[in-house]
Amino acid sequence: MRRLRKPTIAALTGLAAAALVSGCGGGSLGGGDSDDGGGGGDTATPVRLGLVVPTSGVYAPLGEDMKQGFELYLAQHGQKLGGHAVELEVVDEGATPATGVAATQRLLQGDVNAVVGIVNSATALGVRDAFDEAKIPLIVANAGADAITGAKKSDFVWRTSFSNGQVAAALGPQAAQTCTKGAFLVAADYAAGKEATAGFRQTFTAAGGKVVGSVFPPFGTTTNYQPFLAQIRQSGADCAYSFFAGAEAVAFTKQYAQFGLKDTVKLYSSGFLTEGGVLKGAGAAAAGIETSLHYSDQLDTPANKAFVGEYQAKFGESPTVYAVQTYDAAHVLDDAFKTGIDGPAVVKGLQGISSVDSPRGTWRFDDGHGPQQTYYLRRVDQGAGGLVNTVVQPLSGA
């Protein structure tokens, strides 16, 4: 079993230089032939990868973060994974499952060794069978549907991000300590919102908390949250749990404050409510909100400080959880390609990874091929350069 370690910045520079020098060896690298059947010993053979992320539509900023995370890992490793030169094709997932499934299936028609990315859970579930049948590995770097690494798990589908229920479940016991009158649950009416509220409810009530109500505003069409906020006020709850992302997160957070709930009903959420550009959009209305997530750029560890420094130097901004998830997708493929580059060999390599030393902290794949990782309690505070997600404490390794 192998343990992936994140090299220091100095070591990364040396590795990249060594890779470039060894590249002069041409076809003689790796002794020519490989006896593992997967090309793992012949590093002269390039690997072809597809990166499926939104480059247009409402999720384009998130897709850009993912692309940058993947590009940073490649830059740190001489544009190689497992010693193989990388031929990368970036494909626009778009904003809907219809565009995402079609884009991903086009990649499968080509000669790819693996595919990384996918934001939309319905897209990931929609292409699951195609990857399973083609025996080509898919590394899901965002989509959070519980079934991807649960009821619909596949040997050829792996995830470096999260599952919706686990992110929320990590927060339940913490919220139960402060919600003495009860919690009200509010989330967008789609699968992610339902899975997140179910995860929160399960651990919140197990820890002694009481849910006094729930409401699910229509997903993608709701702009006025006041009728739903009125229900929170009338419920008598002293805290609320929410699940929103993107533009809906900004609108909900601002209206929550404008409605006068910010100072009377403590707001908890999965961390997507205050992550990246969403936090900038919400501004002061987000101050004090507490969330659970498996990453913050404020994590005070050597690995994360090095990562944040490299990311800021290359892209001029701080990394988000979306960047880290895709950075780690490159990380695990880097190790897996050392075993071989055809589908079954890559899966064997992924199965051999015992743990991953990541900017988010050390994590490992669980039996469903999803990350078993630490979640953190984060609080929106004023930092030196603006609002930040301060890490209050670890919550769990769910």
Protein backbone atom coordinates (compact mmCIF):
# COMPACT_ATOMS: atom_id res chain seq x y z
CA MET A 1 0.00 0.00 0.00
CA ARG A 2 1.36 3.40 -0.99
CA ARG A 3 1.04 6.66 0.88
CA LEU A 4 1.02 9.77 -1.28
CA ARG A 5 2.97 12.63 0.19
CA LYS A 6 2.89 16.20 -1.01
CA PRO A 7 6.49 17.22 -1.72
CA THR A 8 7.86 20.51 -0.47
CA ILE A 9 8.01 23.37 -2.96
CA ALA A 10 11.77 22.93 -3.30
CA ALA A 11 11.35 19.23 -3.93
CA LEU A 12 8.65 19.88 -6.50
CA THR A 13 11.01 22.14 -8.42
CA GLY A 14 13.64 19.44 -8.39
CA LEU A 15 11.18 16.78 -9.50
CA ALA A 16 10.00 18.90 -12.39
CA ALA A 17 13.57 19.56 -13.50
CA ALA A 18 14.45 15.87 -13.25
CA ALA A 19 11.40 14.94 -15.29
CA LEU A 20 12.37 17.37 -18.01
CA VAL A 21 15.92 16.06 -18.12
CA SER A 22 14.84 12.42 -18.21
CA GLY A 23 12.50 13.30 -21.06
CA CYS A 24 15.57 13.59 -23.31
CA GLY A 25 15.77 9.79 -23.21
CA GLY A 26 12.91 9.47 -25.70
CA GLY A 27 11.66 5.97 -26.45
CA SER A 28 14.28 4.27 -24.34
CA LEU A 29 12.61 5.35 -21.08
CA GLY A 30 11.37 2.54 -18.84
CA GLY A 31 13.22 -0.13 -20.79
CA GLY A 32 10.83 0.05 -23.73
CA ASP A 33 8.40 -2.79 -23.03
CA SER A 34 6.24 -3.18 -19.93
CA ASP A 35 5.29 -6.57 -18.57
CA ASP A 36 2.36 -5.24 -16.51
CA GLY A 37 0.04 -5.03 -19.50
CA GLY A 38 -0.85 -1.44 -18.74
CA GLY A 39 2.11 0.53 -20.01
CA GLY A 40 3.20 1.49 -16.48
CA GLY A 41 6.83 0.65 -17.17
CA ASP A 42 7.01 2.57 -20.45
CA THR A 43 6.97 6.22 -19.47
CA ALA A 44 7.63 7.25 -23.07
CA THR A 45 3.93 6.55 -23.68
CA PRO A 46 1.86 9.69 -23.02
CA VAL A 47 -1.44 9.57 -21.17
CA ARG A 48 -4.53 11.23 -22.62
CA LEU A 49 -6.84 12.82 -20.05
CA GLY A 50 -10.17 14.56 -20.30
CA LEU A 51 -10.99 17.38 -17.88
CA VAL A 52 -14.75 17.98 -17.80
CA VAL A 53 -15.57 21.29 -16.10
CA PRO A 54 -17.99 24.15 -16.78
CA THR A 55 -16.24 26.78 -18.90
CA SER A 56 -19.52 28.55 -19.71
CA GLY A 57 -22.74 29.22 -17.83
CA VAL A 58 -23.42 29.96 -14.16
CA TYR A 59 -20.87 27.43 -12.86
CA ALA A 60 -17.99 28.70 -15.00
CA PRO A 61 -16.16 30.33 -12.02
CA LEU A 62 -16.22 26.99 -10.21
CA GLY A 63 -14.95 25.25 -13.33
CA GLU A 64 -12.10 27.74 -13.59
CA ASP A 65 -11.04 26.94 -10.02
CA MET A 66 -11.03 23.22 -10.84
CA LYS A 67 -9.02 23.75 -14.00
CA GLN A 68 -6.46 25.85 -12.13
CA GLY A 69 -6.06 23.23 -9.41
CA PHE A 70 -5.32 20.55 -12.00
CA GLU A 71 -2.96 22.84 -13.93
CA LEU A 72 -1.00 23.69 -10.78
CA TYR A 73 -0.29 20.03 -10.02
CA LEU A 74 0.86 19.46 -13.60
CA ALA A 75 3.08 22.55 -13.49
CA GLN A 76 4.68 21.32 -10.26
CA HIS A 77 5.43 17.95 -11.87
CA GLY A 78 6.83 18.90 -15.24
CA GLN A 79 3.49 18.33 -17.03
CA LYS A 80 3.74 14.61 -16.24
CA LEU A 81 1.76 12.12 -14.18
CA GLY A 82 3.35 8.84 -13.15
CA GLY A 83 6.31 9.77 -15.38
CA HIS A 84 4.08 10.01 -18.46
CA ALA A 85 3.67 13.19 -20.47
CA VAL A 86 0.07 14.41 -20.25
CA GLU A 87 -2.11 15.23 -23.23
CA LEU A 88 -5.02 17.13 -21.68
CA GLU A 89 -8.33 17.93 -23.35
CA VAL A 90 -10.56 20.39 -21.48
CA VAL A 91 -14.25 19.93 -22.28
CA ASP A 92 -17.07 22.30 -21.33
CA GLU A 93 -19.56 20.57 -19.03
CA GLY A 94 -22.02 23.45 -19.36
CA ALA A 95 -24.72 24.13 -16.80
CA THR A 96 -27.06 21.15 -17.17
CA PRO A 97 -26.91 17.34 -17.17
CA ALA A 98 -27.88 17.37 -20.85
CA THR A 99 -24.75 19.28 -21.83
CA GLY A 100 -22.54 17.53 -19.28
CA VAL A 101 -23.47 13.96 -20.24
CA ALA A 102 -23.05 14.68 -23.96
CA ALA A 103 -19.65 16.33 -23.44
CA THR A 104 -18.38 13.48 -21.28
CA GLN A 105 -19.59 10.78 -23.65
CA ARG A 106 -17.72 12.46 -26.50
CA LEU A 107 -14.51 12.00 -24.52
CA LEU A 108 -15.22 8.30 -24.11
CA GLN A 109 -15.39 7.94 -27.87
CA GLY A 110 -11.74 9.00 -28.04
CA ASP A 111 -8.68 7.21 -26.73
CA VAL A 112 -8.55 8.54 -23.16
CA ASN A 113 -6.83 6.87 -20.22
CA ALA A 114 -8.96 8.65 -17.59
CA VAL A 115 -11.42 11.50 -17.14
CA VAL A 116 -11.44 14.04 -14.30
CA GLY A 117 -13.95 16.65 -13.17
CA ILE A 118 -17.78 16.94 -13.32
CA VAL A 119 -19.63 19.48 -11.21
CA ASN A 120 -23.23 18.32 -11.62
CA SER A 121 -24.29 15.20 -9.69
CA ALA A 122 -26.89 14.26 -12.29
CA THR A 123 -24.16 14.33 -14.92
CA ALA A 124 -21.91 12.07 -12.85
CA LEU A 125 -24.73 9.59 -12.27
CA GLY A 126 -25.73 9.83 -15.92
CA VAL A 127 -22.31 8.74 -17.20
CA ARG A 128 -21.57 6.19 -14.48
CA ASP A 129 -22.63 3.16 -16.51
CA ALA A 130 -20.72 4.31 -19.59
CA PHE A 131 -17.42 4.45 -17.65
CA ASP A 132 -18.14 1.16 -15.94
CA GLU A 133 -18.77 -0.57 -19.28
CA ALA A 134 -15.82 1.08 -21.05
CA LYS A 135 -13.52 0.26 -18.09
CA ILE A 136 -12.11 3.80 -18.15
CA PRO A 137 -11.54 5.49 -14.77
CA LEU A 138 -13.56 8.58 -13.88
CA ILE A 139 -12.25 10.74 -11.02
CA VAL A 140 -15.17 12.89 -9.84
CA ALA A 141 -13.66 16.12 -8.53
CA ASN A 142 -16.83 17.83 -7.34
CA ALA A 143 -20.28 16.22 -7.85
CA GLY A 144 -21.58 15.28 -4.41
CA ALA A 145 -24.48 12.86 -4.95
CA ASP A 146 -24.32 10.25 -2.19
CA ALA A 147 -25.00 7.39 -4.62
CA ILE A 148 -21.81 7.98 -6.64
CA THR A 149 -19.77 6.32 -3.90
CA GLY A 150 -22.73 4.54 -2.32
CA ALA A 151 -25.50 2.57 -4.01
CA LYS A 152 -24.12 3.29 -7.51
CA LYS A 153 -20.44 2.77 -6.78
CA SER A 154 -18.26 1.29 -9.51
CA ASP A 155 -14.71 -0.01 -9.69
CA PHE A 156 -14.11 2.62 -12.36
CA VAL A 157 -15.66 5.64 -10.61
CA TRP A 158 -13.70 7.36 -7.83
CA ARG A 159 -14.20 10.66 -6.03
CA THR A 160 -11.78 13.21 -4.54
CA SER A 161 -14.43 15.68 -3.38
CA PHE A 162 -17.27 14.90 -0.94
CA SER A 163 -20.74 13.47 -0.61
CA ASN A 164 -23.55 15.88 0.22
CA GLY A 165 -24.78 14.00 3.25
CA GLN A 166 -21.35 13.68 4.87
CA VAL A 167 -20.52 17.40 4.70
CA ALA A 168 -23.77 18.23 6.49
CA ALA A 169 -23.64 15.29 8.90
CA ALA A 170 -20.31 16.51 10.26
CA LEU A 171 -22.03 19.71 11.41
CA GLY A 172 -25.03 18.18 13.17
CA PRO A 173 -23.48 17.33 16.56
CA GLN A 174 -21.82 20.76 16.79
CA ALA A 175 -25.08 22.56 16.06
CA ALA A 176 -26.91 20.46 18.65
CA GLN A 177 -24.71 22.00 21.36
CA THR A 178 -26.07 25.50 20.73
CA CYS A 179 -29.60 24.96 19.35
CA THR A 180 -31.61 24.61 22.54
CA LYS A 181 -35.00 25.58 21.05
CA GLY A 182 -34.62 23.69 17.80
CA ALA A 183 -33.33 23.95 14.26
CA PHE A 184 -35.17 24.86 11.05
CA LEU A 185 -33.89 23.31 7.82
CA VAL A 186 -33.95 25.25 4.54
CA ALA A 187 -32.39 24.11 1.27
CA ALA A 188 -32.85 24.34 -2.47
CA ASP A 189 -35.35 21.78 -3.74
CA TYR A 190 -33.12 19.35 -5.60
CA ALA A 191 -31.15 16.22 -4.81
CA ALA A 192 -28.18 17.96 -3.18
CA GLY A 193 -30.43 19.97 -0.87
CA LYS A 194 -32.41 16.90 0.14
CA GLU A 195 -29.29 14.80 0.78
CA ALA A 196 -27.62 17.56 2.79
CA THR A 197 -30.62 18.22 5.04
CA ALA A 198 -31.05 14.47 5.59
CA GLY A 199 -27.41 14.16 6.66
CA PHE A 200 -27.70 17.11 9.04
CA ARG A 201 -31.01 15.91 10.49
CA GLN A 202 -29.64 12.44 11.21
CA THR A 203 -26.64 13.51 13.30
CA PHE A 204 -28.32 16.59 14.79
CA THR A 205 -31.20 14.59 16.25
CA ALA A 206 -28.88 11.75 17.31
CA ALA A 207 -26.97 14.33 19.36
CA GLY A 208 -30.17 15.49 21.09
CA GLY A 209 -31.24 18.30 18.79
CA LYS A 210 -34.82 18.91 17.67
CA VAL A 211 -35.89 19.84 14.14
CA VAL A 212 -38.90 22.17 14.31
CA GLY A 213 -39.53 22.60 10.58
CA SER A 214 -38.16 22.46 7.05
CA VAL A 215 -38.81 24.11 3.70
CA PHE A 216 -37.38 23.65 0.20
CA PRO A 217 -37.53 26.72 -2.08
CA PRO A 218 -37.70 25.83 -5.79
CA PHE A 219 -34.21 25.31 -7.20
CA GLY A 220 -32.97 27.66 -9.89
CA THR A 221 -36.03 29.93 -9.93
CA THR A 222 -36.32 31.38 -6.43
CA THR A 223 -35.13 34.97 -6.05
CA ASN A 224 -37.33 36.09 -3.15
CA TYR A 225 -36.71 34.09 0.03
CA GLN A 226 -38.85 36.21 2.36
CA PRO A 227 -41.80 33.78 2.50
CA PHE A 228 -39.43 31.02 3.56
CA LEU A 229 -37.56 33.24 6.00
CA ALA A 230 -40.88 34.12 7.60
CA GLN A 231 -41.43 30.42 8.30
CA ILE A 232 -38.07 30.26 10.09
CA ARG A 233 -39.03 33.24 12.27
CA GLN A 234 -42.45 31.81 13.08
CA SER A 235 -41.04 28.38 13.99
CA GLY A 236 -39.40 29.56 17.20
CA ALA A 237 -36.08 27.96 16.19
CA ASP A 238 -32.90 29.44 17.59
CA CYS A 239 -30.77 28.13 14.72
CA ALA A 240 -31.16 27.20 11.07
CA TYR A 241 -29.30 24.86 8.75
CA SER A 242 -29.15 25.74 5.06
CA PHE A 243 -27.83 24.32 1.81
CA PHE A 244 -27.38 26.75 -1.09
CA ALA A 245 -24.60 27.36 -3.61
CA GLY A 246 -23.75 29.86 -6.33
CA ALA A 247 -26.04 32.82 -6.95
CA GLU A 248 -28.71 31.31 -4.70
CA ALA A 249 -26.26 31.29 -1.80
CA VAL A 250 -25.57 35.01 -2.25
CA ALA A 251 -29.26 35.89 -2.47
CA PHE A 252 -30.24 33.74 0.52
CA THR A 253 -27.44 35.05 2.74
CA LYS A 254 -28.17 38.70 1.98
CA GLN A 255 -31.92 38.30 2.50
CA TYR A 256 -31.38 36.34 5.73
CA ALA A 257 -29.56 39.36 7.12
CA GLN A 258 -32.00 41.90 5.66
CA PHE A 259 -34.95 40.02 7.18
CA GLY A 260 -33.45 40.44 10.63
CA LEU A 261 -32.66 36.77 11.28
CA LYS A 262 -28.88 37.11 11.30
CA ASP A 263 -28.74 38.30 14.92
CA THR A 264 -31.56 36.15 16.31
CA VAL A 265 -31.38 32.74 14.59
CA LYS A 266 -27.85 31.38 14.24
CA LEU A 267 -27.16 30.19 10.71
CA TYR A 268 -25.24 26.97 10.01
CA SER A 269 -24.59 25.62 6.54
CA SER A 270 -22.54 23.32 4.38
CA GLY A 271 -19.50 25.35 3.38
CA PHE A 272 -20.55 26.04 -0.21
CA LEU A 273 -22.67 28.92 1.17
CA THR A 274 -19.51 30.91 1.91
CA GLU A 275 -16.86 29.47 -0.43
CA GLY A 276 -14.82 31.44 -2.97
CA GLY A 277 -16.61 34.07 -5.03
CA VAL A 278 -19.89 33.41 -3.20
CA LEU A 279 -18.39 34.86 -0.01
CA LYS A 280 -17.29 37.98 -1.85
CA GLY A 281 -20.76 38.34 -3.33
CA ALA A 282 -22.53 38.04 0.02
CA GLY A 283 -20.15 40.46 1.74
CA ALA A 284 -20.86 41.59 5.30
CA ALA A 285 -24.14 39.65 5.40
CA ALA A 286 -22.07 36.43 5.67
CA ALA A 287 -20.04 37.52 8.72
CA GLY A 288 -20.38 35.07 11.61
CA ILE A 289 -21.95 32.22 9.61
CA GLU A 290 -20.56 28.83 10.66
CA THR A 291 -20.13 26.07 8.10
CA SER A 292 -18.67 22.61 7.67
CA LEU A 293 -16.31 21.77 4.83
CA HIS A 294 -13.20 19.69 4.20
CA TYR A 295 -11.01 22.67 3.26
CA SER A 296 -10.29 26.33 3.94
CA ASP A 297 -7.41 28.36 2.57
CA GLN A 298 -6.91 29.43 6.21
CA LEU A 299 -5.79 25.97 7.35
CA ASP A 300 -2.61 26.52 9.35
CA THR A 301 -0.49 23.61 8.15
CA PRO A 302 2.82 23.55 6.26
CA ALA A 303 1.26 21.65 3.35
CA ASN A 304 -1.58 24.13 2.95
CA LYS A 305 0.61 27.21 3.36
CA ALA A 306 2.90 25.93 0.60
CA PHE A 307 -0.07 25.14 -1.62
CA VAL A 308 -1.73 28.53 -1.06
CA GLY A 309 1.55 30.32 -1.80
CA GLU A 310 2.09 28.42 -5.06
CA TYR A 311 -1.52 28.89 -6.12
CA GLN A 312 -1.52 32.62 -5.40
CA ALA A 313 1.78 33.08 -7.23
CA LYS A 314 0.45 31.33 -10.34
CA PHE A 315 -3.13 32.60 -10.46
CA GLY A 316 -3.19 35.77 -8.37
CA GLU A 317 -5.95 34.56 -6.03
CA SER A 318 -6.51 32.17 -3.15
CA PRO A 319 -7.51 28.57 -3.80
CA THR A 320 -10.96 27.18 -3.10
CA VAL A 321 -12.16 23.74 -2.15
CA TYR A 322 -12.93 23.16 -5.85
CA ALA A 323 -9.29 23.76 -6.77
CA VAL A 324 -8.04 21.43 -4.04
CA GLN A 325 -10.37 18.60 -5.04
CA THR A 326 -9.07 18.67 -8.62
CA TYR A 327 -5.46 19.14 -7.51
CA ASP A 328 -5.89 15.93 -5.51
CA ALA A 329 -7.42 14.19 -8.53
CA ALA A 330 -4.17 14.84 -10.38
CA HIS A 331 -2.29 13.71 -7.28
CA VAL A 332 -3.92 10.27 -7.11
CA LEU A 333 -3.61 9.72 -10.86
CA ASP A 334 0.07 10.58 -10.59
CA ASP A 335 0.51 7.58 -8.33
CA ALA A 336 -1.96 5.30 -10.11
CA PHE A 337 -0.28 5.71 -13.51
CA LYS A 338 2.88 4.19 -12.05
CA THR A 339 1.02 0.87 -12.00
CA GLY A 340 -0.17 1.12 -15.60
CA ILE A 341 -2.14 3.34 -17.90
CA ASP A 342 -4.98 1.16 -19.16
CA GLY A 343 -8.22 1.22 -17.17
CA PRO A 344 -7.85 -1.90 -15.00
CA ALA A 345 -4.21 -1.05 -14.23
CA VAL A 346 -5.14 2.48 -13.16
CA VAL A 347 -7.87 1.08 -10.90
CA LYS A 348 -5.33 -1.28 -9.37
CA GLY A 349 -3.08 1.70 -8.72
CA LEU A 350 -5.91 3.66 -7.08
CA GLN A 351 -6.74 0.67 -4.90
CA GLY A 352 -3.12 0.59 -3.71
CA ILE A 353 -3.16 4.15 -2.32
CA SER A 354 -3.25 3.96 1.47
CA SER A 355 -3.54 7.70 2.13
CA VAL A 356 -3.13 11.08 0.47
CA ASP A 357 -1.23 13.99 2.03
CA SER A 358 -3.23 16.95 0.74
CA PRO A 359 -3.56 20.68 1.44
CA ARG A 360 -6.88 19.74 3.10
CA GLY A 361 -5.14 17.28 5.44
CA THR A 362 -4.47 13.57 5.13
CA TRP A 363 -7.32 11.51 3.70
CA ARG A 364 -7.88 8.09 2.14
CA PHE A 365 -10.37 6.39 -0.13
CA ASP A 366 -13.15 4.48 1.63
CA ASP A 367 -14.79 1.27 0.43
CA GLY A 368 -17.05 3.21 -1.94
CA HIS A 369 -14.04 5.00 -3.52
CA GLY A 370 -14.93 8.33 -1.90
CA PRO A 371 -12.72 10.34 0.45
CA GLN A 372 -12.68 9.54 4.13
CA GLN A 373 -11.54 12.92 5.39
CA THR A 374 -11.66 15.49 8.14
CA TYR A 375 -14.36 18.14 8.04
CA TYR A 376 -13.74 21.50 9.68
CA LEU A 377 -15.97 23.95 11.52
CA ARG A 378 -15.41 27.26 9.75
CA ARG A 379 -16.58 30.76 10.75
CA VAL A 380 -16.72 33.78 8.45
CA ASP A 381 -14.46 36.45 10.00
CA GLN A 382 -12.84 39.65 8.84
CA GLY A 383 -9.28 38.92 7.70
CA ALA A 384 -6.46 41.19 6.65
CA GLY A 385 -7.60 41.25 3.02
CA GLY A 386 -11.34 40.75 3.48
CA LEU A 387 -13.72 38.08 4.74
CA VAL A 388 -12.23 34.61 5.27
CA ASN A 389 -13.39 31.20 6.47
CA THR A 390 -11.50 30.87 9.75
CA VAL A 391 -10.95 27.27 10.85
CA VAL A 392 -12.41 26.94 14.33
CA GLN A 393 -11.81 23.23 14.91
CA PRO A 394 -11.87 19.82 13.22
CA LEU A 395 -15.32 18.25 13.28
CA SER A 396 -14.79 14.64 12.23
CA GLY A 397 -13.28 12.23 9.80
CA ALA A 398 -16.55 11.11 8.25
